PDB file of N, CA and C in Angstrom:
ATOM      1  N   UNK A   1      -6.488  -3.967   5.269  1.00  0.00           N
ATOM      2  CA  UNK A   1      -6.330  -2.867   6.384  1.00  0.00           C
ATOM      3  C   UNK A   1      -4.961  -2.643   6.848  1.00  0.00           C
ATOM      4  N   UNK A   2      -4.169  -3.264   6.918  1.00  0.00           N
ATOM      5  CA  UNK A   2      -2.733  -3.138   7.158  1.00  0.00           C
ATOM      6  C   UNK A   2      -1.964  -2.232   6.307  1.00  0.00           C
ATOM      7  N   UNK A   3      -2.323  -2.381   5.099  1.00  0.00           N
ATOM      8  CA  UNK A   3      -1.797  -1.451   4.200  1.00  0.00           C
ATOM      9  C   UNK A   3      -2.247   0.051   4.416  1.00  0.00           C
ATOM     10  N   UNK A   4      -3.584   0.273   4.570  1.00  0.00           N
ATOM     11  CA  UNK A   4      -4.003   1.445   4.933  1.00  0.00           C
ATOM     12  C   UNK A   4      -3.319   2.116   6.057  1.00  0.00           C
ATOM     13  N   UNK A   5      -3.093   1.345   7.076  1.00  0.00           N
ATOM     14  CA  UNK A   5      -2.312   1.936   8.341  1.00  0.00           C
ATOM     15  C   UNK A   5      -0.802   2.133   8.058  1.00  0.00           C
ATOM     16  N   UNK A   6      -0.268   1.408   7.191  1.00  0.00           N
ATOM     17  CA  UNK A   6       1.173   1.722   6.855  1.00  0.00           C
ATOM     18  C   UNK A   6       1.246   3.143   6.070  1.00  0.00           C
ATOM     19  N   UNK A   7       0.291   3.172   4.942  1.00  0.00           N
ATOM     20  CA  UNK A   7       0.363   4.401   4.225  1.00  0.00           C
ATOM     21  C   UNK A   7      -0.078   5.801   5.012  1.00  0.00           C
ATOM     22  N   UNK A   8      -0.960   5.561   6.000  1.00  0.00           N
ATOM     23  CA  UNK A   8      -1.248   6.675   6.923  1.00  0.00           C
ATOM     24  C   UNK A   8       0.025   7.053   7.584  1.00  0.00           C
ATOM     25  N   UNK A   9       0.608   6.062   8.277  1.00  0.00           N
ATOM     26  CA  UNK A   9       1.600   6.235   9.325  1.00  0.00           C
ATOM     27  C   UNK A   9       2.815   6.686   8.520  1.00  0.00           C
ATOM     28  N   UNK A  10       3.033   6.350   7.012  1.00  0.00           N
ATOM     29  CA  UNK A  10       4.057   7.195   6.417  1.00  0.00           C
ATOM     30  C   UNK A  10       3.956   8.292   6.150  1.00  0.00           C
ATOM     31  N   UNK A  11       2.615   8.513   5.686  1.00  0.00           N
ATOM     32  CA  UNK A  11       2.244  10.188   5.539  1.00  0.00           C
ATOM     33  C   UNK A  11       2.506  11.184   6.746  1.00  0.00           C
ATOM     34  N   UNK A  12       2.025  10.289   7.955  1.00  0.00           N
ATOM     35  CA  UNK A  12       2.313  11.260   9.030  1.00  0.00           C
ATOM     36  C   UNK A  12       3.619  11.453   9.402  1.00  0.00           C
ATOM     37  N   UNK A  13       4.314  10.399   9.032  1.00  0.00           N
ATOM     38  CA  UNK A  13       5.890  10.537   9.532  1.00  0.00           C
ATOM     39  C   UNK A  13       6.580  11.522   8.589  1.00  0.00           C
ATOM     40  N   UNK A  14       5.968  11.534   7.407  1.00  0.00           N
ATOM     41  CA  UNK A  14       6.789  12.427   6.417  1.00  0.00           C
ATOM     42  C   UNK A  14       6.308  13.984   6.504  1.00  0.00           C
ATOM     43  N   UNK A  15       5.045  14.289   6.888  1.00  0.00           N
ATOM     44  CA  UNK A  15       4.683  15.521   7.389  1.00  0.00           C
ATOM     45  C   UNK A  15       5.457  15.868   8.669  1.00  0.00           C
ATOM     46  N   UNK A  16       5.755  15.094   9.656  1.00  0.00           N
ATOM     47  CA  UNK A  16       6.263  15.605  10.905  1.00  0.00           C
ATOM     48  C   UNK A  16       7.727  15.828  10.487  1.00  0.00           C
ATOM     49  N   UNK A  17       8.219  15.046   9.785  1.00  0.00           N
ATOM     50  CA  UNK A  17       9.733  15.104   9.191  1.00  0.00           C
ATOM     51  C   UNK A  17       9.964  16.393   8.537  1.00  0.00           C
ATOM     52  N   UNK A  18       9.034  16.564   7.622  1.00  0.00           N
ATOM     53  CA  UNK A  18       9.067  18.001   6.956  1.00  0.00           C
ATOM     54  C   UNK A  18       9.077  19.096   7.701  1.00  0.00           C
ATOM     55  N   UNK A  19       8.489  19.114   8.802  1.00  0.00           N
ATOM     56  CA  UNK A  19       8.177  20.229   9.694  1.00  0.00           C
ATOM     57  C   UNK A  19       9.461  20.134  10.442  1.00  0.00           C
ATOM     58  N   UNK A  20      10.045  19.309  10.896  1.00  0.00           N
ATOM     59  CA  UNK A  20      11.420  19.279  11.676  1.00  0.00           C
ATOM     60  C   UNK A  20      12.438  19.739  10.895  1.00  0.00           C
ATOM     61  N   UNK A  21      12.529  19.474   9.475  1.00  0.00           N
ATOM     62  CA  UNK A  21      13.484  20.011   8.783  1.00  0.00           C
ATOM     63  C   UNK A  21      13.626  21.351   8.541  1.00  0.00           C
ATOM     64  N   UNK A  22      12.176  21.813   8.257  1.00  0.00           N
ATOM     65  CA  UNK A  22      12.006  23.164   8.357  1.00  0.00           C
ATOM     66  C   UNK A  22      12.288  24.200   9.317  1.00  0.00           C
ATOM     67  N   UNK A  23      12.447  23.540  10.545  1.00  0.00           N
ATOM     68  CA  UNK A  23      12.718  24.333  11.640  1.00  0.00           C
ATOM     69  C   UNK A  23      13.989  23.964  12.257  1.00  0.00           C
ATOM     70  N   UNK A  24      14.767  23.269  11.469  1.00  0.00           N
ATOM     71  CA  UNK A  24      16.197  22.845  12.103  1.00  0.00           C
ATOM     72  C   UNK A  24      17.238  24.009  11.984  1.00  0.00           C
ATOM     73  N   UNK A  25      18.080  23.957  13.002  1.00  0.00           N
ATOM     74  CA  UNK A  25      19.103  24.904  12.907  1.00  0.00           C
ATOM     75  C   UNK A  25      19.909  24.858  11.306  1.00  0.00           C
ATOM     76  N   UNK A  26      20.076  23.785  11.049  1.00  0.00           N
ATOM     77  CA  UNK A  26      20.956  23.698   9.648  1.00  0.00           C
ATOM     78  C   UNK A  26      19.990  24.348   8.531  1.00  0.00           C
ATOM     79  N   UNK A  27      18.967  24.205   8.535  1.00  0.00           N
ATOM     80  CA  UNK A  27      18.004  24.904   7.497  1.00  0.00           C
ATOM     81  C   UNK A  27      18.138  26.354   7.753  1.00  0.00           C
ATOM     82  N   UNK A  28      18.230  26.787   8.940  1.00  0.00           N
ATOM     83  CA  UNK A  28      18.187  28.368   9.248  1.00  0.00           C
ATOM     84  C   UNK A  28      19.626  29.002   8.919  1.00  0.00           C
ATOM     85  N   UNK A  29      20.507  28.016   8.820  1.00  0.00           N
ATOM     86  CA  UNK A  29      21.884  28.563   8.599  1.00  0.00           C
ATOM     87  C   UNK A  29      21.940  28.555   6.914  1.00  0.00           C
ATOM     88  N   UNK A  30      21.420  27.445   6.434  1.00  0.00           N
ATOM     89  CA  UNK A  30      21.799  27.462   4.880  1.00  0.00           C
ATOM     90  C   UNK A  30      20.832  28.329   4.173  1.00  0.00           C
ATOM     91  N   UNK A  31      19.415  28.725   4.535  1.00  0.00           N
ATOM     92  CA  UNK A  31      18.479  29.298   3.982  1.00  0.00           C
ATOM     93  C   UNK A  31      17.868  30.396   5.030  1.00  0.00           C
ATOM     94  N   UNK A  32      18.501  31.380   5.158  1.00  0.00           N
ATOM     95  CA  UNK A  32      18.078  32.283   6.195  1.00  0.00           C
ATOM     96  C   UNK A  32      16.866  33.032   5.854  1.00  0.00           C
ATOM     97  N   UNK A  33      16.546  33.033   4.444  1.00  0.00           N
ATOM     98  CA  UNK A  33      15.125  33.722   4.227  1.00  0.00           C
ATOM     99  C   UNK A  33      13.984  32.787   4.397  1.00  0.00           C
ATOM    100  N   UNK A  34      14.172  31.600   4.915  1.00  0.00           N
ATOM    101  CA  UNK A  34      12.840  30.589   5.081  1.00  0.00           C
ATOM    102  C   UNK A  34      12.399  31.234   6.270  1.00  0.00           C
ATOM    103  N   UNK A  35      12.836  31.649   7.179  1.00  0.00           N
ATOM    104  CA  UNK A  35      12.151  32.405   8.466  1.00  0.00           C
ATOM    105  C   UNK A  35      11.319  33.415   8.199  1.00  0.00           C
ATOM    106  N   UNK A  36      11.760  34.131   7.269  1.00  0.00           N
ATOM    107  CA  UNK A  36      10.795  35.230   6.813  1.00  0.00           C
ATOM    108  C   UNK A  36       9.404  34.967   6.093  1.00  0.00           C
ATOM    109  N   UNK A  37       9.632  33.603   5.475  1.00  0.00           N
ATOM    110  CA  UNK A  37       8.415  33.200   4.769  1.00  0.00           C
ATOM    111  C   UNK A  37       7.783  31.930   5.340  1.00  0.00           C
ATOM    112  N   UNK A  38       7.848  31.870   6.658  1.00  0.00           N
ATOM    113  CA  UNK A  38       7.353  30.640   7.461  1.00  0.00           C
ATOM    114  C   UNK A  38       5.919  30.375   7.031  1.00  0.00           C
ATOM    115  N   UNK A  39       5.218  31.382   7.312  1.00  0.00           N
ATOM    116  CA  UNK A  39       3.598  31.185   7.269  1.00  0.00           C
ATOM    117  C   UNK A  39       3.259  30.862   5.893  1.00  0.00           C
ATOM    118  N   UNK A  40       3.792  31.371   4.989  1.00  0.00           N
ATOM    119  CA  UNK A  40       3.649  30.997   3.604  1.00  0.00           C
ATOM    120  C   UNK A  40       4.083  29.571   3.271  1.00  0.00           C
ATOM    121  N   UNK A  41       5.322  29.350   3.750  1.00  0.00           N
ATOM    122  CA  UNK A  41       5.713  27.839   3.656  1.00  0.00           C
ATOM    123  C   UNK A  41       4.941  26.759   4.328  1.00  0.00           C
ATOM    124  N   UNK A  42       4.627  27.127   5.465  1.00  0.00           N
ATOM    125  CA  UNK A  42       3.888  26.048   6.329  1.00  0.00           C
ATOM    126  C   UNK A  42       2.488  26.011   5.515  1.00  0.00           C
ATOM    127  N   UNK A  43       1.889  27.069   5.000  1.00  0.00           N
ATOM    128  CA  UNK A  43       0.716  26.972   4.381  1.00  0.00           C
ATOM    129  C   UNK A  43       0.707  25.904   3.042  1.00  0.00           C
ATOM    130  N   UNK A  44       1.708  26.321   2.476  1.00  0.00           N
ATOM    131  CA  UNK A  44       1.859  25.471   1.326  1.00  0.00           C
ATOM    132  C   UNK A  44       2.205  24.005   1.552  1.00  0.00           C
ATOM    133  N   UNK A  45       2.773  23.630   2.602  1.00  0.00           N
ATOM    134  CA  UNK A  45       2.846  22.271   2.741  1.00  0.00           C
ATOM    135  C   UNK A  45       1.860  21.674   3.607  1.00  0.00           C
ATOM    136  N   UNK A  46       1.035  22.388   4.145  1.00  0.00           N
ATOM    137  CA  UNK A  46      -0.431  21.798   4.819  1.00  0.00           C
ATOM    138  C   UNK A  46      -1.274  21.534   3.721  1.00  0.00           C
ATOM    139  N   UNK A  47      -1.139  22.605   2.636  1.00  0.00           N
ATOM    140  CA  UNK A  47      -2.012  22.159   1.385  1.00  0.00           C
ATOM    141  C   UNK A  47      -1.748  21.121   0.667  1.00  0.00           C
ATOM    142  N   UNK A  48      -0.490  20.899   0.397  1.00  0.00           N
ATOM    143  CA  UNK A  48      -0.086  19.624  -0.057  1.00  0.00           C
ATOM    144  C   UNK A  48      -0.371  18.448   0.600  1.00  0.00           C
ATOM    145  N   UNK A  49      -0.221  18.426   1.771  1.00  0.00           N
ATOM    146  CA  UNK A  49      -0.549  17.143   2.716  1.00  0.00           C
ATOM    147  C   UNK A  49      -2.127  17.082   2.685  1.00  0.00           C
ATOM    148  N   UNK A  50      -2.791  18.194   2.719  1.00  0.00           N
ATOM    149  CA  UNK A  50      -4.356  17.742   2.826  1.00  0.00           C
ATOM    150  C   UNK A  50      -5.066  17.269   1.227  1.00  0.00           C
ATOM    151  N   UNK A  51      -4.469  17.899   0.287  1.00  0.00           N
ATOM    152  CA  UNK A  51      -4.837  17.440  -1.040  1.00  0.00           C
ATOM    153  C   UNK A  51      -4.407  15.938  -1.134  1.00  0.00           C
ATOM    154  N   UNK A  52      -3.073  15.680  -0.549  1.00  0.00           N
ATOM    155  CA  UNK A  52      -2.704  14.336  -0.905  1.00  0.00           C
ATOM    156  C   UNK A  52      -3.600  13.251  -0.011  1.00  0.00           C
ATOM    157  N   UNK A  53      -4.257  13.699   1.206  1.00  0.00           N
ATOM    158  CA  UNK A  53      -4.875  12.970   2.115  1.00  0.00           C
ATOM    159  C   UNK A  53      -6.296  12.733   1.559  1.00  0.00           C
ATOM    160  N   UNK A  54      -6.901  13.790   0.964  1.00  0.00           N
ATOM    161  CA  UNK A  54      -8.053  13.818   0.123  1.00  0.00           C
ATOM    162  C   UNK A  54      -8.057  12.814  -0.947  1.00  0.00           C
ATOM    163  N   UNK A  55      -7.033  12.863  -1.739  1.00  0.00           N
ATOM    164  CA  UNK A  55      -6.680  12.158  -2.950  1.00  0.00           C
ATOM    165  C   UNK A  55      -6.589  10.707  -2.436  1.00  0.00           C
ATOM    166  N   UNK A  56      -5.834  10.239  -1.385  1.00  0.00           N
ATOM    167  CA  UNK A  56      -5.838   9.000  -0.839  1.00  0.00           C
ATOM    168  C   UNK A  56      -7.200   8.523  -0.608  1.00  0.00           C
ATOM    169  N   UNK A  57      -8.069   9.244   0.080  1.00  0.00           N
ATOM    170  CA  UNK A  57      -9.188   8.952   0.455  1.00  0.00           C
ATOM    171  C   UNK A  57     -10.226   8.354  -0.665  1.00  0.00           C
ATOM    172  N   UNK A  58     -10.097   9.710  -1.561  1.00  0.00           N
ATOM    173  CA  UNK A  58     -10.903   9.208  -2.851  1.00  0.00           C
ATOM    174  C   UNK A  58     -10.555   7.996  -3.656  1.00  0.00           C
ATOM    175  N   UNK A  59      -9.246   7.713  -3.760  1.00  0.00           N
ATOM    176  CA  UNK A  59      -8.786   6.405  -4.410  1.00  0.00           C
ATOM    177  C   UNK A  59      -9.268   5.245  -3.564  1.00  0.00           C
ATOM    178  N   UNK A  60      -9.045   5.389  -2.368  1.00  0.00           N
ATOM    179  CA  UNK A  60      -9.572   4.316  -1.511  1.00  0.00           C
ATOM    180  C   UNK A  60     -10.958   3.973  -1.456  1.00  0.00           C
ATOM    181  N   UNK A  61     -11.848   5.049  -1.770  1.00  0.00           N
ATOM    182  CA  UNK A  61     -13.173   4.667  -1.719  1.00  0.00           C
ATOM    183  C   UNK A  61     -13.571   4.210  -3.083  1.00  0.00           C
ATOM    184  N   UNK A  62     -12.928   4.787  -4.193  1.00  0.00           N
ATOM    185  CA  UNK A  62     -13.026   4.170  -5.484  1.00  0.00           C
ATOM    186  C   UNK A  62     -12.799   2.566  -5.635  1.00  0.00           C
ATOM    187  N   UNK A  63     -11.724   2.101  -4.934  1.00  0.00           N
ATOM    188  CA  UNK A  63     -11.267   0.882  -5.292  1.00  0.00           C
ATOM    189  C   UNK A  63     -11.663  -0.028  -4.059  1.00  0.00           C
ATOM    190  N   UNK A  64     -12.224   0.371  -3.235  1.00  0.00           N
ATOM    191  CA  UNK A  64     -12.698  -0.353  -1.960  1.00  0.00           C
ATOM    192  C   UNK A  64     -13.813  -1.403  -2.482  1.00  0.00           C
TER     193      UNK A  64
END
């Protein structure tokens, strides 16, 4: 059970960290076009995290 909590916590930290990097001032300076594609970028990131979460749950159910 502790392993699942660690994995879920790491996924949440990774998701929040990704969002923080995407909205950082350094990213805006280095990649000014990022702001024009914010909705598309956020949608892609959310899809990646949702698919990863679903895959984790499926694998968890198979090997439980």
